[in-house]
Amino acid sequence: RGMYPTLVSGDGLLGYAEGAPYDRVIATCGMRTIPAAWIEQT
């Protein structure tokens, strides 16, 4: 579809600071709370 987002597989608790800040985060997992790192890196 012509889209090339950063895809990260693994434990996302700490986010992925290498490419931050991000426009949005899409998670394909269940979460009880949103990790602080995700908010800080978006």
PDB file of all heavy atoms in Angstrom:
ATOM      1  N   ARG A   1       0.820  -1.218   0.000  1.00  0.00           N
ATOM      2  CA  ARG A   1       0.000   0.000   0.000  1.00  0.00           C
ATOM      3  C   ARG A   1       0.852   1.265   0.000  1.00  0.00           C
ATOM      4  O   ARG A   1       0.345   2.361   0.144  1.00  0.00           O
ATOM      5  CB  ARG A   1      -0.924   0.013   1.224  1.00  0.00           C
ATOM      6  CG  ARG A   1      -1.867  -1.145   1.304  1.00  0.00           C
ATOM      7  CD  ARG A   1      -3.017  -0.893   0.380  1.00  0.00           C
ATOM      8  NE  ARG A   1      -4.021  -1.917   0.563  1.00  0.00           N
ATOM      9  CZ  ARG A   1      -4.670  -2.469  -0.437  1.00  0.00           C
ATOM     10  NH1 ARG A   1      -4.444  -2.086  -1.658  1.00  0.00           N
ATOM     11  NH2 ARG A   1      -5.567  -3.395  -0.218  1.00  0.00           N
ATOM     12  N   GLY A   2       2.181   1.090  -0.099  1.00  0.00           N
ATOM     13  CA  GLY A   2       3.061   2.242  -0.137  1.00  0.00           C
ATOM     14  C   GLY A   2       3.349   2.839   1.224  1.00  0.00           C
ATOM     15  O   GLY A   2       3.794   3.977   1.323  1.00  0.00           O
ATOM     16  N   MET A   3       3.105   2.069   2.280  1.00  0.00           N
ATOM     17  CA  MET A   3       3.356   2.552   3.637  1.00  0.00           C
ATOM     18  C   MET A   3       4.524   1.772   4.229  1.00  0.00           C
ATOM     19  O   MET A   3       4.578   0.551   4.124  1.00  0.00           O
ATOM     20  CB  MET A   3       2.102   2.366   4.499  1.00  0.00           C
ATOM     21  CG  MET A   3       0.929   3.200   4.036  1.00  0.00           C
ATOM     22  SD  MET A   3      -0.521   2.980   5.061  1.00  0.00           S
ATOM     23  CE  MET A   3      -1.246   1.537   4.301  1.00  0.00           C
ATOM     24  N   TYR A   4       5.459   2.487   4.841  1.00  0.00           N
ATOM     25  CA  TYR A   4       6.656   1.856   5.390  1.00  0.00           C
ATOM     26  C   TYR A   4       6.908   2.337   6.819  1.00  0.00           C
ATOM     27  O   TYR A   4       7.880   3.035   7.092  1.00  0.00           O
ATOM     28  CB  TYR A   4       7.856   2.158   4.477  1.00  0.00           C
ATOM     29  CG  TYR A   4       7.594   1.682   3.067  1.00  0.00           C
ATOM     30  CD1 TYR A   4       7.103   2.559   2.105  1.00  0.00           C
ATOM     31  CD2 TYR A   4       7.776   0.358   2.725  1.00  0.00           C
ATOM     32  CE1 TYR A   4       6.817   2.115   0.817  1.00  0.00           C
ATOM     33  CE2 TYR A   4       7.501  -0.096   1.444  1.00  0.00           C
ATOM     34  CZ  TYR A   4       7.021   0.788   0.501  1.00  0.00           C
ATOM     35  OH  TYR A   4       6.727   0.344  -0.772  1.00  0.00           O
ATOM     36  N   PRO A   5       6.017   1.960   7.752  1.00  0.00           N
ATOM     37  CA  PRO A   5       6.194   2.392   9.138  1.00  0.00           C
ATOM     38  C   PRO A   5       7.311   1.612   9.819  1.00  0.00           C
ATOM     39  O   PRO A   5       7.778   0.593   9.314  1.00  0.00           O
ATOM     40  CB  PRO A   5       4.846   2.045   9.779  1.00  0.00           C
ATOM     41  CG  PRO A   5       4.387   0.850   9.010  1.00  0.00           C
ATOM     42  CD  PRO A   5       4.850   1.103   7.596  1.00  0.00           C
ATOM     43  N   THR A   6       7.734   2.111  10.969  1.00  0.00           N
ATOM     44  CA  THR A   6       8.676   1.374  11.794  1.00  0.00           C
ATOM     45  C   THR A   6       7.893   0.283  12.512  1.00  0.00           C
ATOM     46  O   THR A   6       6.953   0.565  13.236  1.00  0.00           O
ATOM     47  CB  THR A   6       9.328   2.308  12.833  1.00  0.00           C
ATOM     48  OG1 THR A   6      10.008   3.343  12.134  1.00  0.00           O
ATOM     49  CG2 THR A   6      10.298   1.557  13.723  1.00  0.00           C
ATOM     50  N   LEU A   7       8.251  -0.958  12.284  1.00  0.00           N
ATOM     51  CA  LEU A   7       7.598  -2.088  12.947  1.00  0.00           C
ATOM     52  C   LEU A   7       8.584  -2.687  13.938  1.00  0.00           C
ATOM     53  O   LEU A   7       9.717  -2.988  13.584  1.00  0.00           O
ATOM     54  CB  LEU A   7       7.175  -3.154  11.938  1.00  0.00           C
ATOM     55  CG  LEU A   7       6.161  -2.723  10.888  1.00  0.00           C
ATOM     56  CD1 LEU A   7       5.916  -3.854   9.901  1.00  0.00           C
ATOM     57  CD2 LEU A   7       4.866  -2.293  11.532  1.00  0.00           C
ATOM     58  N   VAL A   8       8.152  -2.834  15.170  1.00  0.00           N
ATOM     59  CA  VAL A   8       9.016  -3.360  16.214  1.00  0.00           C
ATOM     60  C   VAL A   8       8.319  -4.553  16.848  1.00  0.00           C
ATOM     61  O   VAL A   8       7.175  -4.453  17.277  1.00  0.00           O
ATOM     62  CB  VAL A   8       9.299  -2.284  17.294  1.00  0.00           C
ATOM     63  CG1 VAL A   8      10.178  -2.848  18.385  1.00  0.00           C
ATOM     64  CG2 VAL A   8       9.925  -1.062  16.657  1.00  0.00           C
ATOM     65  N   SER A   9       9.004  -5.690  16.911  1.00  0.00           N
ATOM     66  CA  SER A   9       8.471  -6.884  17.559  1.00  0.00           C
ATOM     67  C   SER A   9       9.236  -7.105  18.855  1.00  0.00           C
ATOM     68  O   SER A   9      10.457  -6.979  18.878  1.00  0.00           O
ATOM     69  CB  SER A   9       8.666  -8.117  16.671  1.00  0.00           C
ATOM     70  OG  SER A   9       7.940  -7.983  15.489  1.00  0.00           O
ATOM     71  N   GLY A  10       8.521  -7.428  19.911  1.00  0.00           N
ATOM     72  CA  GLY A  10       9.185  -7.716  21.169  1.00  0.00           C
ATOM     73  C   GLY A  10       8.448  -7.100  22.332  1.00  0.00           C
ATOM     74  O   GLY A  10       7.316  -6.651  22.200  1.00  0.00           O
ATOM     75  N   ASP A  11       9.078  -7.070  23.474  1.00  0.00           N
ATOM     76  CA  ASP A  11       8.498  -6.494  24.677  1.00  0.00           C
ATOM     77  C   ASP A  11       8.513  -4.982  24.534  1.00  0.00           C
ATOM     78  O   ASP A  11       9.565  -4.362  24.486  1.00  0.00           O
ATOM     79  CB  ASP A  11       9.321  -6.930  25.898  1.00  0.00           C
ATOM     80  CG  ASP A  11       8.736  -6.434  27.210  1.00  0.00           C
ATOM     81  OD1 ASP A  11       7.829  -5.574  27.179  1.00  0.00           O
ATOM     82  OD2 ASP A  11       9.186  -6.901  28.262  1.00  0.00           O
ATOM     83  N   GLY A  12       7.342  -4.391  24.437  1.00  0.00           N
ATOM     84  CA  GLY A  12       7.240  -2.967  24.181  1.00  0.00           C
ATOM     85  C   GLY A  12       7.153  -2.084  25.401  1.00  0.00           C
ATOM     86  O   GLY A  12       6.891  -0.892  25.281  1.00  0.00           O
ATOM     87  N   LEU A  13       7.367  -2.622  26.574  1.00  0.00           N
ATOM     88  CA  LEU A  13       7.209  -1.845  27.796  1.00  0.00           C
ATOM     89  C   LEU A  13       8.038  -0.565  27.796  1.00  0.00           C
ATOM     90  O   LEU A  13       7.583   0.474  28.247  1.00  0.00           O
ATOM     91  CB  LEU A  13       7.564  -2.689  29.021  1.00  0.00           C
ATOM     92  CG  LEU A  13       7.323  -2.026  30.367  1.00  0.00           C
ATOM     93  CD1 LEU A  13       5.837  -1.713  30.559  1.00  0.00           C
ATOM     94  CD2 LEU A  13       7.829  -2.897  31.491  1.00  0.00           C
ATOM     95  N   LEU A  14       9.244  -0.629  27.229  1.00  0.00           N
ATOM     96  CA  LEU A  14      10.115   0.549  27.203  1.00  0.00           C
ATOM     97  C   LEU A  14       9.981   1.348  25.914  1.00  0.00           C
ATOM     98  O   LEU A  14      10.700   2.314  25.701  1.00  0.00           O
ATOM     99  CB  LEU A  14      11.571   0.130  27.411  1.00  0.00           C
ATOM    100  CG  LEU A  14      11.867  -0.563  28.733  1.00  0.00           C
ATOM    101  CD1 LEU A  14      13.331  -0.982  28.804  1.00  0.00           C
ATOM    102  CD2 LEU A  14      11.496   0.323  29.908  1.00  0.00           C
ATOM    103  N   GLY A  15       9.058   0.938  25.049  1.00  0.00           N
ATOM    104  CA  GLY A  15       8.895   1.633  23.786  1.00  0.00           C
ATOM    105  C   GLY A  15      10.054   1.330  22.861  1.00  0.00           C
ATOM    106  O   GLY A  15      10.690   0.288  22.956  1.00  0.00           O
ATOM    107  N   TYR A  16      10.341   2.274  21.961  1.00  0.00           N
ATOM    108  CA  TYR A  16      11.440   2.131  21.010  1.00  0.00           C
ATOM    109  C   TYR A  16      11.996   3.523  20.758  1.00  0.00           C
ATOM    110  O   TYR A  16      11.619   4.215  19.810  1.00  0.00           O
ATOM    111  CB  TYR A  16      10.929   1.478  19.725  1.00  0.00           C
ATOM    112  CG  TYR A  16      12.009   1.086  18.762  1.00  0.00           C
ATOM    113  CD1 TYR A  16      12.863   0.025  19.036  1.00  0.00           C
ATOM    114  CD2 TYR A  16      12.166   1.767  17.568  1.00  0.00           C
ATOM    115  CE1 TYR A  16      13.856  -0.336  18.148  1.00  0.00           C
ATOM    116  CE2 TYR A  16      13.161   1.405  16.664  1.00  0.00           C
ATOM    117  CZ  TYR A  16      13.986   0.354  16.960  1.00  0.00           C
ATOM    118  OH  TYR A  16      14.969  -0.015  16.073  1.00  0.00           O
ATOM    119  N   ALA A  17      12.876   3.964  21.640  1.00  0.00           N
ATOM    120  CA  ALA A  17      13.372   5.336  21.647  1.00  0.00           C
ATOM    121  C   ALA A  17      14.191   5.705  20.417  1.00  0.00           C
ATOM    122  O   ALA A  17      14.280   6.880  20.068  1.00  0.00           O
ATOM    123  CB  ALA A  17      14.212   5.575  22.902  1.00  0.00           C
ATOM    124  N   GLU A  18      14.761   4.715  19.714  1.00  0.00           N
ATOM    125  CA  GLU A  18      15.654   4.992  18.592  1.00  0.00           C
ATOM    126  C   GLU A  18      15.006   5.842  17.498  1.00  0.00           C
ATOM    127  O   GLU A  18      15.677   6.605  16.822  1.00  0.00           O
ATOM    128  CB  GLU A  18      16.180   3.689  17.978  1.00  0.00           C
ATOM    129  CG  GLU A  18      17.204   2.990  18.835  1.00  0.00           C
ATOM    130  CD  GLU A  18      16.582   2.150  19.959  1.00  0.00           C
ATOM    131  OE1 GLU A  18      15.336   2.105  20.079  1.00  0.00           O
ATOM    132  OE2 GLU A  18      17.340   1.568  20.726  1.00  0.00           O
ATOM    133  N   GLY A  19      13.713   5.722  17.281  1.00  0.00           N
ATOM    134  CA  GLY A  19      13.060   6.470  16.218  1.00  0.00           C
ATOM    135  C   GLY A  19      12.112   7.546  16.712  1.00  0.00           C
ATOM    136  O   GLY A  19      11.419   8.173  15.917  1.00  0.00           O
ATOM    137  N   ALA A  20      12.067   7.760  18.002  1.00  0.00           N
ATOM    138  CA  ALA A  20      11.118   8.710  18.587  1.00  0.00           C
ATOM    139  C   ALA A  20      11.481  10.137  18.206  1.00  0.00           C
ATOM    140  O   ALA A  20      12.647  10.421  17.925  1.00  0.00           O
ATOM    141  CB  ALA A  20      11.102   8.552  20.102  1.00  0.00           C
ATOM    142  N   PRO A  21      10.542  11.041  18.172  1.00  0.00           N
ATOM    143  CA  PRO A  21       9.132  10.842  18.526  1.00  0.00           C
ATOM    144  C   PRO A  21       8.321  10.305  17.339  1.00  0.00           C
ATOM    145  O   PRO A  21       8.637  10.556  16.180  1.00  0.00           O
ATOM    146  CB  PRO A  21       8.661  12.246  18.889  1.00  0.00           C
ATOM    147  CG  PRO A  21       9.494  13.161  18.065  1.00  0.00           C
ATOM    148  CD  PRO A  21      10.836  12.463  17.925  1.00  0.00           C
ATOM    149  N   TYR A  22       7.300   9.549  17.655  1.00  0.00           N
ATOM    150  CA  TYR A  22       6.422   8.934  16.666  1.00  0.00           C
ATOM    151  C   TYR A  22       5.126   9.717  16.546  1.00  0.00           C
ATOM    152  O   TYR A  22       4.700  10.389  17.480  1.00  0.00           O
ATOM    153  CB  TYR A  22       6.112   7.484  17.062  1.00  0.00           C
ATOM    154  CG  TYR A  22       7.351   6.632  17.115  1.00  0.00           C
ATOM    155  CD1 TYR A  22       7.960   6.327  18.323  1.00  0.00           C
ATOM    156  CD2 TYR A  22       7.931   6.171  15.955  1.00  0.00           C
ATOM    157  CE1 TYR A  22       9.114   5.562  18.373  1.00  0.00           C
ATOM    158  CE2 TYR A  22       9.087   5.404  15.986  1.00  0.00           C
ATOM    159  CZ  TYR A  22       9.673   5.100  17.199  1.00  0.00           C
ATOM    160  OH  TYR A  22      10.809   4.350  17.227  1.00  0.00           O
ATOM    161  N   ASP A  23       4.492   9.611  15.389  1.00  0.00           N
ATOM    162  CA  ASP A  23       3.196  10.257  15.177  1.00  0.00           C
ATOM    163  C   ASP A  23       2.085   9.502  15.895  1.00  0.00           C
ATOM    164  O   ASP A  23       1.120  10.096  16.353  1.00  0.00           O
ATOM    165  CB  ASP A  23       2.851  10.330  13.687  1.00  0.00           C
ATOM    166  CG  ASP A  23       3.806  11.242  12.935  1.00  0.00           C
ATOM    167  OD1 ASP A  23       4.261  12.244  13.521  1.00  0.00           O
ATOM    168  OD2 ASP A  23       4.101  10.947  11.764  1.00  0.00           O
ATOM    169  N   ARG A  24       2.221   8.176  15.948  1.00  0.00           N
ATOM    170  CA  ARG A  24       1.208   7.353  16.607  1.00  0.00           C
ATOM    171  C   ARG A  24       1.808   5.995  16.955  1.00  0.00           C
ATOM    172  O   ARG A  24       2.818   5.609  16.403  1.00  0.00           O
ATOM    173  CB  ARG A  24      -0.036   7.181  15.749  1.00  0.00           C
ATOM    174  CG  ARG A  24       0.235   6.613  14.376  1.00  0.00           C
ATOM    175  CD  ARG A  24      -0.965   6.619  13.435  1.00  0.00           C
ATOM    176  NE  ARG A  24      -1.552   7.877  13.097  1.00  0.00           N
ATOM    177  CZ  ARG A  24      -1.123   8.732  12.173  1.00  0.00           C
ATOM    178  NH1 ARG A  24      -0.031   8.474  11.520  1.00  0.00           N
ATOM    179  NH2 ARG A  24      -1.761   9.830  11.906  1.00  0.00           N
ATOM    180  N   VAL A  25       1.149   5.298  17.866  1.00  0.00           N
ATOM    181  CA  VAL A  25       1.557   3.957  18.265  1.00  0.00           C
ATOM    182  C   VAL A  25       0.373   3.032  18.031  1.00  0.00           C
ATOM    183  O   VAL A  25      -0.753   3.346  18.430  1.00  0.00           O
ATOM    184  CB  VAL A  25       1.957   3.906  19.760  1.00  0.00           C
ATOM    185  CG1 VAL A  25       2.256   2.478  20.191  1.00  0.00           C
ATOM    186  CG2 VAL A  25       3.157   4.808  20.022  1.00  0.00           C
ATOM    187  N   ILE A  26       0.616   1.911  17.366  1.00  0.00           N
ATOM    188  CA  ILE A  26      -0.413   0.899  17.156  1.00  0.00           C
ATOM    189  C   ILE A  26       0.106  -0.379  17.790  1.00  0.00           C
ATOM    190  O   ILE A  26       1.181  -0.866  17.427  1.00  0.00           O
ATOM    191  CB  ILE A  26      -0.688   0.687  15.654  1.00  0.00           C
ATOM    192  CG1 ILE A  26      -1.167   1.989  15.026  1.00  0.00           C
ATOM    193  CG2 ILE A  26      -1.703  -0.436  15.462  1.00  0.00           C
ATOM    194  CD1 ILE A  26      -1.256   1.956  13.521  1.00  0.00           C
ATOM    195  N   ALA A  27      -0.633  -0.912  18.728  1.00  0.00           N
ATOM    196  CA  ALA A  27      -0.209  -2.129  19.424  1.00  0.00           C
ATOM    197  C   ALA A  27      -1.176  -3.259  19.104  1.00  0.00           C
ATOM    198  O   ALA A  27      -2.385  -3.062  19.103  1.00  0.00           O
ATOM    199  CB  ALA A  27      -0.173  -1.883  20.922  1.00  0.00           C
ATOM    200  N   THR A  28      -0.630  -4.430  18.843  1.00  0.00           N
ATOM    201  CA  THR A  28      -1.457  -5.612  18.583  1.00  0.00           C
ATOM    202  C   THR A  28      -1.332  -6.563  19.773  1.00  0.00           C
ATOM    203  O   THR A  28      -0.935  -7.707  19.631  1.00  0.00           O
ATOM    204  CB  THR A  28      -1.036  -6.301  17.279  1.00  0.00           C
ATOM    205  OG1 THR A  28       0.348  -6.634  17.353  1.00  0.00           O
ATOM    206  CG2 THR A  28      -1.280  -5.411  16.080  1.00  0.00           C
ATOM    207  N   CYS A  29      -1.657  -6.029  20.942  1.00  0.00           N
ATOM    208  CA  CYS A  29      -1.591  -6.816  22.172  1.00  0.00           C
ATOM    209  C   CYS A  29      -2.573  -6.215  23.173  1.00  0.00           C
ATOM    210  O   CYS A  29      -3.057  -5.109  22.984  1.00  0.00           O
ATOM    211  CB  CYS A  29      -0.171  -6.792  22.746  1.00  0.00           C
ATOM    212  SG  CYS A  29       0.397  -5.134  23.144  1.00  0.00           S
ATOM    213  N   GLY A  30      -2.843  -6.938  24.215  1.00  0.00           N
ATOM    214  CA  GLY A  30      -3.700  -6.424  25.277  1.00  0.00           C
ATOM    215  C   GLY A  30      -2.869  -5.665  26.301  1.00  0.00           C
ATOM    216  O   GLY A  30      -1.757  -6.070  26.626  1.00  0.00           O
ATOM    217  N   MET A  31      -3.393  -4.555  26.766  1.00  0.00           N
ATOM    218  CA  MET A  31      -2.693  -3.744  27.767  1.00  0.00           C
ATOM    219  C   MET A  31      -3.683  -3.324  28.847  1.00  0.00           C
ATOM    220  O   MET A  31      -4.807  -2.959  28.527  1.00  0.00           O
ATOM    221  CB  MET A  31      -2.117  -2.473  27.122  1.00  0.00           C
ATOM    222  CG  MET A  31      -1.165  -2.692  25.965  1.00  0.00           C
ATOM    223  SD  MET A  31       0.368  -3.477  26.416  1.00  0.00           S
ATOM    224  CE  MET A  31       1.068  -2.319  27.538  1.00  0.00           C
ATOM    225  N   ARG A  32      -3.270  -3.348  30.095  1.00  0.00           N
ATOM    226  CA  ARG A  32      -4.104  -2.826  31.194  1.00  0.00           C
ATOM    227  C   ARG A  32      -3.896  -1.331  31.355  1.00  0.00           C
ATOM    228  O   ARG A  32      -4.793  -0.610  31.731  1.00  0.00           O
ATOM    229  CB  ARG A  32      -3.796  -3.546  32.486  1.00  0.00           C
ATOM    230  CG  ARG A  32      -4.266  -4.971  32.460  1.00  0.00           C
ATOM    231  CD  ARG A  32      -3.970  -5.638  33.781  1.00  0.00           C
ATOM    232  NE  ARG A  32      -4.353  -7.019  33.684  1.00  0.00           N
ATOM    233  CZ  ARG A  32      -5.212  -7.586  34.493  1.00  0.00           C
ATOM    234  NH1 ARG A  32      -5.753  -6.915  35.477  1.00  0.00           N
ATOM    235  NH2 ARG A  32      -5.511  -8.852  34.339  1.00  0.00           N
ATOM    236  N   THR A  33      -2.653  -0.884  31.095  1.00  0.00           N
ATOM    237  CA  THR A  33      -2.322   0.542  31.137  1.00  0.00           C
ATOM    238  C   THR A  33      -1.380   0.838  29.976  1.00  0.00           C
ATOM    239  O   THR A  33      -0.723  -0.056  29.456  1.00  0.00           O
ATOM    240  CB  THR A  33      -1.633   0.942  32.452  1.00  0.00           C
ATOM    241  OG1 THR A  33      -0.415   0.208  32.575  1.00  0.00           O
ATOM    242  CG2 THR A  33      -2.516   0.689  33.667  1.00  0.00           C
ATOM    243  N   ILE A  34      -1.316   2.085  29.597  1.00  0.00           N
ATOM    244  CA  ILE A  34      -0.404   2.490  28.532  1.00  0.00           C
ATOM    245  C   ILE A  34       0.944   2.801  29.173  1.00  0.00           C
ATOM    246  O   ILE A  34       1.025   3.638  30.075  1.00  0.00           O
ATOM    247  CB  ILE A  34      -0.940   3.730  27.794  1.00  0.00           C
ATOM    248  CG1 ILE A  34      -2.277   3.393  27.141  1.00  0.00           C
ATOM    249  CG2 ILE A  34       0.067   4.214  26.767  1.00  0.00           C
ATOM    250  CD1 ILE A  34      -2.991   4.572  26.544  1.00  0.00           C
ATOM    251  N   PRO A  35       2.017   2.143  28.716  1.00  0.00           N
ATOM    252  CA  PRO A  35       3.337   2.403  29.291  1.00  0.00           C
ATOM    253  C   PRO A  35       3.738   3.870  29.119  1.00  0.00           C
ATOM    254  O   PRO A  35       3.516   4.468  28.063  1.00  0.00           O
ATOM    255  CB  PRO A  35       4.269   1.492  28.488  1.00  0.00           C
ATOM    256  CG  PRO A  35       3.378   0.389  27.993  1.00  0.00           C
ATOM    257  CD  PRO A  35       2.061   1.058  27.723  1.00  0.00           C
ATOM    258  N   ALA A  36       4.346   4.443  30.132  1.00  0.00           N
ATOM    259  CA  ALA A  36       4.781   5.841  30.100  1.00  0.00           C
ATOM    260  C   ALA A  36       5.714   6.103  28.924  1.00  0.00           C
ATOM    261  O   ALA A  36       5.652   7.168  28.301  1.00  0.00           O
ATOM    262  CB  ALA A  36       5.461   6.210  31.417  1.00  0.00           C
ATOM    263  N   ALA A  37       6.565   5.143  28.581  1.00  0.00           N
ATOM    264  CA  ALA A  37       7.496   5.318  27.467  1.00  0.00           C
ATOM    265  C   ALA A  37       6.757   5.562  26.161  1.00  0.00           C
ATOM    266  O   ALA A  37       7.210   6.338  25.316  1.00  0.00           O
ATOM    267  CB  ALA A  37       8.409   4.103  27.338  1.00  0.00           C
ATOM    268  N   TRP A  38       5.616   4.922  25.971  1.00  0.00           N
ATOM    269  CA  TRP A  38       4.848   5.116  24.737  1.00  0.00           C
ATOM    270  C   TRP A  38       4.374   6.559  24.638  1.00  0.00           C
ATOM    271  O   TRP A  38       4.419   7.159  23.581  1.00  0.00           O
ATOM    272  CB  TRP A  38       3.653   4.198  24.700  1.00  0.00           C
ATOM    273  CG  TRP A  38       3.967   2.739  24.562  1.00  0.00           C
ATOM    274  CD1 TRP A  38       5.180   2.132  24.723  1.00  0.00           C
ATOM    275  CD2 TRP A  38       3.039   1.722  24.243  1.00  0.00           C
ATOM    276  NE1 TRP A  38       5.055   0.794  24.531  1.00  0.00           N
ATOM    277  CE2 TRP A  38       3.758   0.507  24.242  1.00  0.00           C
ATOM    278  CE3 TRP A  38       1.692   1.703  23.982  1.00  0.00           C
ATOM    279  CZ2 TRP A  38       3.139  -0.710  23.965  1.00  0.00           C
ATOM    280  CZ3 TRP A  38       1.073   0.488  23.707  1.00  0.00           C
ATOM    281  CH2 TRP A  38       1.807  -0.695  23.696  1.00  0.00           C
ATOM    282  N   ILE A  39       3.928   7.099  25.737  1.00  0.00           N
ATOM    283  CA  ILE A  39       3.431   8.493  25.762  1.00  0.00           C
ATOM    284  C   ILE A  39       4.593   9.449  25.535  1.00  0.00           C
ATOM    285  O   ILE A  39       4.509  10.371  24.729  1.00  0.00           O
ATOM    286  CB  ILE A  39       2.709   8.778  27.076  1.00  0.00           C
ATOM    287  CG1 ILE A  39       1.456   7.901  27.185  1.00  0.00           C
ATOM    288  CG2 ILE A  39       2.358  10.257  27.203  1.00  0.00           C
ATOM    289  CD1 ILE A  39       0.826   7.867  28.543  1.00  0.00           C
ATOM    290  N   GLU A  40       5.700   9.214  26.216  1.00  0.00           N
ATOM    291  CA  GLU A  40       6.879  10.072  26.097  1.00  0.00           C
ATOM    292  C   GLU A  40       7.474  10.053  24.698  1.00  0.00           C
ATOM    293  O   GLU A  40       8.048  11.045  24.258  1.00  0.00           O
ATOM    294  CB  GLU A  40       7.937   9.646  27.108  1.00  0.00           C
ATOM    295  CG  GLU A  40       7.505   9.870  28.552  1.00  0.00           C
ATOM    296  CD  GLU A  40       8.367   9.099  29.544  1.00  0.00           C
ATOM    297  OE1 GLU A  40       9.331   8.417  29.119  1.00  0.00           O
ATOM    298  OE2 GLU A  40       8.055   9.169  30.740  1.00  0.00           O
ATOM    299  N   GLN A  41       7.340   8.929  23.978  1.00  0.00           N
ATOM    300  CA  GLN A  41       7.947   8.773  22.671  1.00  0.00           C
ATOM    301  C   GLN A  41       6.994   9.106  21.514  1.00  0.00           C
ATOM    302  O   GLN A  41       7.337   8.918  20.361  1.00  0.00           O
ATOM    303  CB  GLN A  41       8.482   7.350  22.520  1.00  0.00           C
ATOM    304  CG  GLN A  41       9.604   7.051  23.473  1.00  0.00           C
ATOM    305  CD  GLN A  41       9.984   5.588  23.501  1.00  0.00           C
ATOM    306  OE1 GLN A  41       9.602   4.802  22.643  1.00  0.00           O
ATOM    307  NE2 GLN A  41      10.751   5.207  24.527  1.00  0.00           N
ATOM    308  N   THR A  42       5.813   9.608  21.825  1.00  0.00           N
ATOM    309  CA  THR A  42       4.829   9.966  20.802  1.00  0.00           C
ATOM    310  C   THR A  42       4.620  11.468  20.797  1.00  0.00           C
ATOM    311  O   THR A  42       4.503  12.096  21.843  1.00  0.00           O
ATOM    312  CB  THR A  42       3.487   9.248  21.080  1.00  0.00           C
ATOM    313  OG1 THR A  42       3.744   7.843  21.183  1.00  0.00           O
ATOM    314  CG2 THR A  42       2.491   9.494  19.976  1.00  0.00           C
TER     315      THR A  42
END
